[in-house]
């Protein structure tokens, strides 16, 4: 199922997208949305399989339905912790300046709920922070069951579902080079800032994505196709990343792991930061980084399309 969070006046409600309609789960159940398991997305995730079974029965009942065109979708979840892996696609590694660990182990950085915006909300362009604002479509894994030191072979059992995150990046904050030519990434200031994690529009439950390593993803900026690839090009699979991050953290319901981006970023055409555009078939090379007025569309097979404008801060 495609689970969403949507606005009902000033309130946020939990729903399931069914065709052109949204099922308001709490109303379908005869409640007002207070209390588990349908109070909000995190409550629903924590409630586990029984909540999903109850939701399926409510969908079949035909109750609590409203036209999807008449509601505003919000970020389906505002995770307290977004665990991020960079440099995780072979083709992306080939188009950019290498750091000392590129492609040798997962890059590890963190975003927080403060970074998250929802569908159609603006990505803020703040020239005091960055004049090289770049966008990256990424598959995001939503954790459903807690665990620490999770074995790779059981890692996907801990997944509630999948969504899209646009890993907005300040490239001029990220890529650093010293006088001796050594390059490193400053992944704090380059990755974590206001509106740097557009997320949504839905979370698709794991039963609808039997193989997360076979999903097509695309990025369009002002209608131009900038990225088009498949998650099969990942260096470390979703299961391997779950294992990797669970070494540091007990993974908890509602945590999100983002899994890297493929070739086609604006960075690839920026020779001053070591970009090496490779002329990927069908892709339109960027002539600049993102500016106010641009529209970013991040599309993921089975999940949907996340659209965000860029606006002046």
Protein backbone atom coordinates (compact mmCIF):
# COMPACT_ATOMS: atom_id res chain seq x y z
CA UNK A 1 0.00 0.00 0.00
CA UNK A 2 0.98 3.63 -0.53
CA UNK A 3 0.76 5.38 2.83
CA UNK A 4 0.60 9.18 2.99
CA UNK A 5 0.32 12.06 5.40
CA UNK A 6 -2.04 14.80 4.29
CA UNK A 7 -3.37 18.11 5.56
CA UNK A 8 -6.93 18.46 6.82
CA UNK A 9 -7.11 22.12 7.72
CA UNK A 10 -4.48 22.63 10.39
CA UNK A 11 -4.42 18.92 11.25
CA UNK A 12 -2.20 16.21 9.78
CA UNK A 13 -3.87 12.89 9.01
CA UNK A 14 -2.77 9.43 7.95
CA UNK A 15 -4.10 7.97 4.73
CA UNK A 16 -3.62 5.36 2.04
CA UNK A 17 -3.53 6.36 -1.62
CA UNK A 18 -5.86 4.11 -3.64
CA UNK A 19 -6.06 5.15 -7.28
CA UNK A 20 -7.33 8.74 -7.31
CA UNK A 21 -8.61 8.61 -3.75
CA UNK A 22 -7.19 8.76 -0.25
CA UNK A 23 -8.58 6.59 2.52
CA UNK A 24 -8.48 8.48 5.83
CA UNK A 25 -7.73 5.51 8.07
CA UNK A 26 -8.87 7.01 11.38
CA UNK A 27 -12.17 8.21 9.94
CA UNK A 28 -12.75 4.91 8.16
CA UNK A 29 -12.25 3.21 11.53
CA UNK A 30 -14.82 5.53 13.13
CA UNK A 31 -12.34 7.62 15.11
CA UNK A 32 -11.02 11.15 14.98
CA UNK A 33 -7.36 10.25 14.51
CA UNK A 34 -6.29 10.28 18.14
CA UNK A 35 -4.42 7.30 19.51
CA UNK A 36 -2.65 4.36 17.89
CA UNK A 37 -2.42 2.93 15.32
CA UNK A 38 -3.77 5.53 12.89
CA UNK A 39 -2.83 8.76 14.71
CA UNK A 40 0.17 9.41 12.47
CA UNK A 41 2.76 7.67 10.32
CA UNK A 42 5.12 6.83 13.16
CA UNK A 43 2.31 5.26 15.20
CA UNK A 44 1.31 3.21 12.17
CA UNK A 45 4.87 1.99 11.57
CA UNK A 46 5.35 1.09 15.23
CA UNK A 47 2.08 -0.86 15.32
CA UNK A 48 3.46 -3.36 12.81
CA UNK A 49 1.69 -6.04 10.81
CA UNK A 50 -1.58 -5.88 12.75
CA UNK A 51 -2.04 -2.21 11.80
CA UNK A 52 -1.39 -2.97 8.13
CA UNK A 53 -3.94 -5.81 8.23
CA UNK A 54 -6.50 -3.47 9.82
CA UNK A 55 -5.75 -0.82 7.18
CA UNK A 56 -6.34 -3.31 4.38
CA UNK A 57 -9.76 -4.14 5.83
CA UNK A 58 -10.62 -0.44 6.02
CA UNK A 59 -9.59 0.06 2.40
CA UNK A 60 -11.91 -2.77 1.38
CA UNK A 61 -14.77 -1.25 3.38
CA UNK A 62 -14.97 1.77 1.10
CA UNK A 63 -15.26 4.13 4.08
CA UNK A 64 -13.35 7.36 4.75
CA UNK A 65 -12.53 8.12 1.12
CA UNK A 66 -11.81 11.53 -0.36
CA UNK A 67 -10.50 12.67 -3.74
CA UNK A 68 -6.71 12.87 -3.76
CA UNK A 69 -6.90 16.01 -5.91
CA UNK A 70 -8.65 17.83 -3.08
CA UNK A 71 -5.99 17.37 -0.39
CA UNK A 72 -2.44 18.55 0.15
CA UNK A 73 0.13 15.83 0.63
CA UNK A 74 2.77 16.51 3.28
CA UNK A 75 6.06 14.78 3.95
CA UNK A 76 4.79 11.31 4.91
CA UNK A 77 7.25 11.16 7.82
CA UNK A 78 9.66 13.53 9.56
CA UNK A 79 12.26 11.07 10.82
CA UNK A 80 14.38 12.18 13.74
CA UNK A 81 17.37 10.51 12.07
CA UNK A 82 18.17 10.11 8.38
CA UNK A 83 21.25 7.93 7.95
CA UNK A 84 22.88 8.73 4.63
CA UNK A 85 25.26 6.84 2.38
CA UNK A 86 27.11 8.79 -0.31
CA UNK A 87 29.24 7.60 -3.23
CA UNK A 88 27.12 4.46 -3.58
CA UNK A 89 26.63 4.23 -7.36
CA UNK A 90 29.38 3.10 -9.70
CA UNK A 91 28.43 5.65 -12.38
CA UNK A 92 28.28 8.58 -9.94
CA UNK A 93 31.71 7.74 -8.56
CA UNK A 94 33.09 7.82 -12.09
CA UNK A 95 31.80 11.35 -12.75
CA UNK A 96 33.16 13.16 -9.71
CA UNK A 97 36.30 14.03 -7.80
CA UNK A 98 37.39 11.12 -5.64
CA UNK A 99 37.93 11.36 -1.93
CA UNK A 100 40.22 8.95 -0.11
CA UNK A 101 37.38 6.50 0.65
CA UNK A 102 35.19 6.87 -2.47
CA UNK A 103 33.88 3.44 -3.40
CA UNK A 104 35.90 1.71 -0.69
CA UNK A 105 33.39 1.91 2.16
CA UNK A 106 30.00 3.59 2.56
CA UNK A 107 30.21 7.32 3.19
CA UNK A 108 28.37 8.10 6.42
CA UNK A 109 26.57 11.34 7.19
CA UNK A 110 23.34 12.35 8.90
CA UNK A 111 20.37 14.58 8.21
CA UNK A 112 17.58 15.33 10.69
CA UNK A 113 13.88 16.20 10.70
CA UNK A 114 14.90 19.86 10.42
CA UNK A 115 16.04 19.14 6.85
CA UNK A 116 12.73 17.62 5.71
CA UNK A 117 10.16 19.28 3.46
CA UNK A 118 7.25 17.64 1.68
CA UNK A 119 5.93 17.51 -1.88
CA UNK A 120 5.69 20.90 -3.61
CA UNK A 121 7.37 22.67 -0.70
CA UNK A 122 10.31 24.88 -1.68
CA UNK A 123 13.97 23.99 -1.61
CA UNK A 124 15.55 27.16 -0.27
CA UNK A 125 18.38 28.80 -2.19
CA UNK A 126 20.50 30.73 0.29
CA UNK A 127 23.62 32.25 -1.34
CA UNK A 128 25.10 32.88 2.13
CA UNK A 129 25.23 29.09 2.50
CA UNK A 130 25.85 27.96 -1.08
CA UNK A 131 25.90 29.15 -4.67
CA UNK A 132 26.27 25.57 -5.93
CA UNK A 133 23.01 23.90 -4.90
CA UNK A 134 22.72 20.41 -6.40
CA UNK A 135 19.95 17.79 -6.28
CA UNK A 136 20.10 13.99 -6.08
CA UNK A 137 17.24 11.50 -6.37
CA UNK A 138 17.68 8.65 -3.88
CA UNK A 139 15.80 5.56 -2.76
CA UNK A 140 15.02 5.83 0.94
CA UNK A 141 14.52 2.85 3.24
CA UNK A 142 12.05 3.30 6.11
CA UNK A 143 12.84 1.09 9.10
CA UNK A 144 9.91 -0.82 10.59
CA UNK A 145 11.40 -3.22 13.13
CA UNK A 146 14.18 -2.35 15.60
CA UNK A 147 17.56 -4.04 15.60
CA UNK A 148 21.29 -3.70 16.22
CA UNK A 149 24.08 -5.54 14.37
CA UNK A 150 21.51 -6.77 11.85
CA UNK A 151 22.81 -9.55 9.56
CA UNK A 152 22.66 -8.77 5.85
CA UNK A 153 20.58 -11.87 5.14
CA UNK A 154 17.84 -10.70 7.54
CA UNK A 155 18.15 -6.95 6.95
CA UNK A 156 15.13 -6.51 4.69
CA UNK A 157 12.92 -8.06 7.40
CA UNK A 158 13.45 -4.78 9.29
CA UNK A 159 12.03 -2.62 6.47
CA UNK A 160 8.57 -1.03 6.72
CA UNK A 161 8.71 0.47 3.26
CA UNK A 162 10.41 2.75 0.77
CA UNK A 163 10.12 6.40 -0.25
CA UNK A 164 12.05 9.07 -2.17
CA UNK A 165 14.48 11.59 -0.72
CA UNK A 166 16.11 14.39 -2.69
CA UNK A 167 19.57 14.68 -1.13
CA UNK A 168 19.99 18.42 -1.75
CA UNK A 169 23.68 19.29 -1.48
CA UNK A 170 25.76 22.47 -1.18
CA UNK A 171 28.63 21.36 -3.41
CA UNK A 172 30.84 24.36 -2.59
CA UNK A 173 30.56 23.41 1.10
CA UNK A 174 31.02 19.68 0.45
CA UNK A 175 34.07 19.37 -1.80
CA UNK A 176 37.27 20.57 -0.16
CA UNK A 177 40.84 20.42 -1.46
CA UNK A 178 44.05 21.46 0.32
CA UNK A 179 47.20 23.00 -1.18
CA UNK A 180 48.70 19.55 -1.74
CA UNK A 181 45.72 18.45 -3.85
CA UNK A 182 44.18 16.16 -1.21
CA UNK A 183 40.37 16.11 -1.53
CA UNK A 184 37.93 15.42 1.28
CA UNK A 185 34.21 15.92 1.80
CA UNK A 186 32.80 18.16 4.52
CA UNK A 187 29.55 16.25 4.79
CA UNK A 188 28.12 18.25 7.67
CA UNK A 189 27.76 21.71 6.17
CA UNK A 190 27.53 20.33 2.65
CA UNK A 191 24.56 18.08 3.31
CA UNK A 192 22.55 19.12 6.39
CA UNK A 193 20.66 22.42 6.22
CA UNK A 194 17.13 23.79 5.90
CA UNK A 195 15.12 22.04 3.12
CA UNK A 196 17.97 19.69 2.21
CA UNK A 197 15.80 16.56 2.43
CA UNK A 198 12.56 16.76 0.43
CA UNK A 199 10.79 13.48 1.23
CA UNK A 200 7.75 11.71 -0.22
CA UNK A 201 5.21 11.73 -1.71
CA UNK A 202 4.29 8.29 -0.33
CA UNK A 203 5.82 5.44 1.62
CA UNK A 204 5.25 2.20 -0.27
CA UNK A 205 5.14 -0.81 2.05
CA UNK A 206 7.86 -3.39 1.57
CA UNK A 207 5.51 -6.10 0.28
CA UNK A 208 5.08 -4.03 -2.91
CA UNK A 209 8.85 -3.79 -3.48
CA UNK A 210 10.11 -7.38 -3.44
CA UNK A 211 13.52 -6.35 -4.85
CA UNK A 212 14.76 -2.85 -3.94
CA UNK A 213 17.83 -3.49 -6.12
CA UNK A 214 15.77 -3.36 -9.31
CA UNK A 215 14.05 0.03 -9.37
CA UNK A 216 14.37 2.74 -12.01
CA UNK A 217 14.88 6.31 -10.85
CA UNK A 218 14.96 9.61 -12.72
CA UNK A 219 15.59 13.28 -12.05
CA UNK A 220 14.19 16.07 -14.22
CA UNK A 221 15.06 19.73 -13.73
CA UNK A 222 12.77 22.09 -15.63
CA UNK A 223 11.75 19.07 -17.70
CA UNK A 224 15.30 18.11 -18.68
CA UNK A 225 16.32 14.53 -17.87
CA UNK A 226 19.42 14.79 -15.67
CA UNK A 227 19.50 11.35 -14.03
CA UNK A 228 18.19 7.98 -15.23
CA UNK A 229 19.47 4.78 -13.67
CA UNK A 230 18.58 1.64 -11.78
CA UNK A 231 19.24 0.76 -8.14
CA UNK A 232 21.11 -2.30 -9.44
CA UNK A 233 24.08 0.07 -9.95
CA UNK A 234 24.48 0.52 -6.18
CA UNK A 235 27.83 -0.54 -4.75
CA UNK A 236 26.28 -1.50 -1.39
CA UNK A 237 22.74 -2.89 -1.46
CA UNK A 238 19.93 -1.73 0.80
CA UNK A 239 20.44 -4.84 2.93
CA UNK A 240 24.17 -4.15 3.23
CA UNK A 241 23.54 -0.54 4.24
CA UNK A 242 21.06 -1.61 6.92
CA UNK A 243 23.73 -3.95 8.30
CA UNK A 244 26.37 -1.18 8.07
CA UNK A 245 24.36 1.50 9.89
CA UNK A 246 23.09 -0.93 12.53
CA UNK A 247 26.69 -1.33 13.68
CA UNK A 248 26.59 2.25 14.97
CA UNK A 249 22.93 2.65 15.88
CA UNK A 250 20.06 0.57 17.12
CA UNK A 251 17.79 1.09 14.14
CA UNK A 252 14.31 2.06 15.30
CA UNK A 253 10.91 2.28 13.62
CA UNK A 254 10.67 5.47 11.58
CA UNK A 255 14.40 5.90 11.01
CA UNK A 256 15.28 6.39 7.35
CA UNK A 257 18.34 5.30 5.37
CA UNK A 258 19.07 7.01 2.05
CA UNK A 259 21.14 5.05 -0.40
CA UNK A 260 23.08 7.34 -2.73
CA UNK A 261 22.50 8.75 -6.21
CA UNK A 262 23.48 7.80 -9.76
CA UNK A 263 25.28 9.79 -12.45
CA UNK A 264 23.98 13.06 -13.86
CA UNK A 265 24.43 15.57 -11.04
CA UNK A 266 25.42 19.18 -11.76
CA UNK A 267 28.70 18.36 -10.02
CA UNK A 268 29.67 16.21 -13.01
CA UNK A 269 29.93 19.30 -15.24
CA UNK A 270 31.79 21.44 -12.69
CA UNK A 271 35.47 21.02 -13.53
CA UNK A 272 36.44 23.44 -10.74
CA UNK A 273 35.24 20.81 -8.22
CA UNK A 274 36.67 17.85 -10.13
CA UNK A 275 33.55 16.94 -12.11
CA UNK A 276 34.01 14.57 -15.06
CA UNK A 277 30.90 14.53 -17.27
CA UNK A 278 30.80 11.20 -19.08
CA UNK A 279 27.99 11.77 -21.55
CA UNK A 280 25.55 9.21 -20.17
CA UNK A 281 23.06 8.23 -22.94
CA UNK A 282 19.86 10.27 -22.92
CA UNK A 283 20.90 12.62 -20.15
CA UNK A 284 21.04 16.41 -20.52
CA UNK A 285 24.22 17.81 -18.95
CA UNK A 286 23.70 20.60 -16.46
CA UNK A 287 24.90 24.05 -17.50
CA UNK A 288 24.64 25.41 -13.95
CA UNK A 289 23.54 24.54 -10.43
CA UNK A 290 19.96 25.04 -9.18
CA UNK A 291 18.53 28.53 -8.87
CA UNK A 292 15.21 30.04 -7.71
CA UNK A 293 12.47 29.27 -10.20
CA UNK A 294 13.75 25.78 -11.05
CA UNK A 295 11.46 22.79 -10.57
CA UNK A 296 13.00 19.50 -9.46
CA UNK A 297 11.19 16.21 -10.15
CA UNK A 298 12.49 13.05 -8.48
CA UNK A 299 10.82 9.90 -9.78
CA UNK A 300 11.13 6.35 -8.47
CA UNK A 301 9.55 3.23 -9.91
CA UNK A 302 6.72 1.85 -7.70
CA UNK A 303 6.82 4.91 -5.40
CA UNK A 304 5.87 7.95 -7.45
CA UNK A 305 7.12 11.44 -8.21
CA UNK A 306 8.41 14.01 -5.72
CA UNK A 307 8.25 17.55 -7.09
CA UNK A 308 9.78 20.63 -5.42
CA UNK A 309 10.41 24.18 -6.65
CA UNK A 310 13.58 26.09 -5.75
CA UNK A 311 12.88 29.43 -4.07
CA UNK A 312 14.96 32.25 -2.66
CA UNK A 313 15.48 31.92 1.07
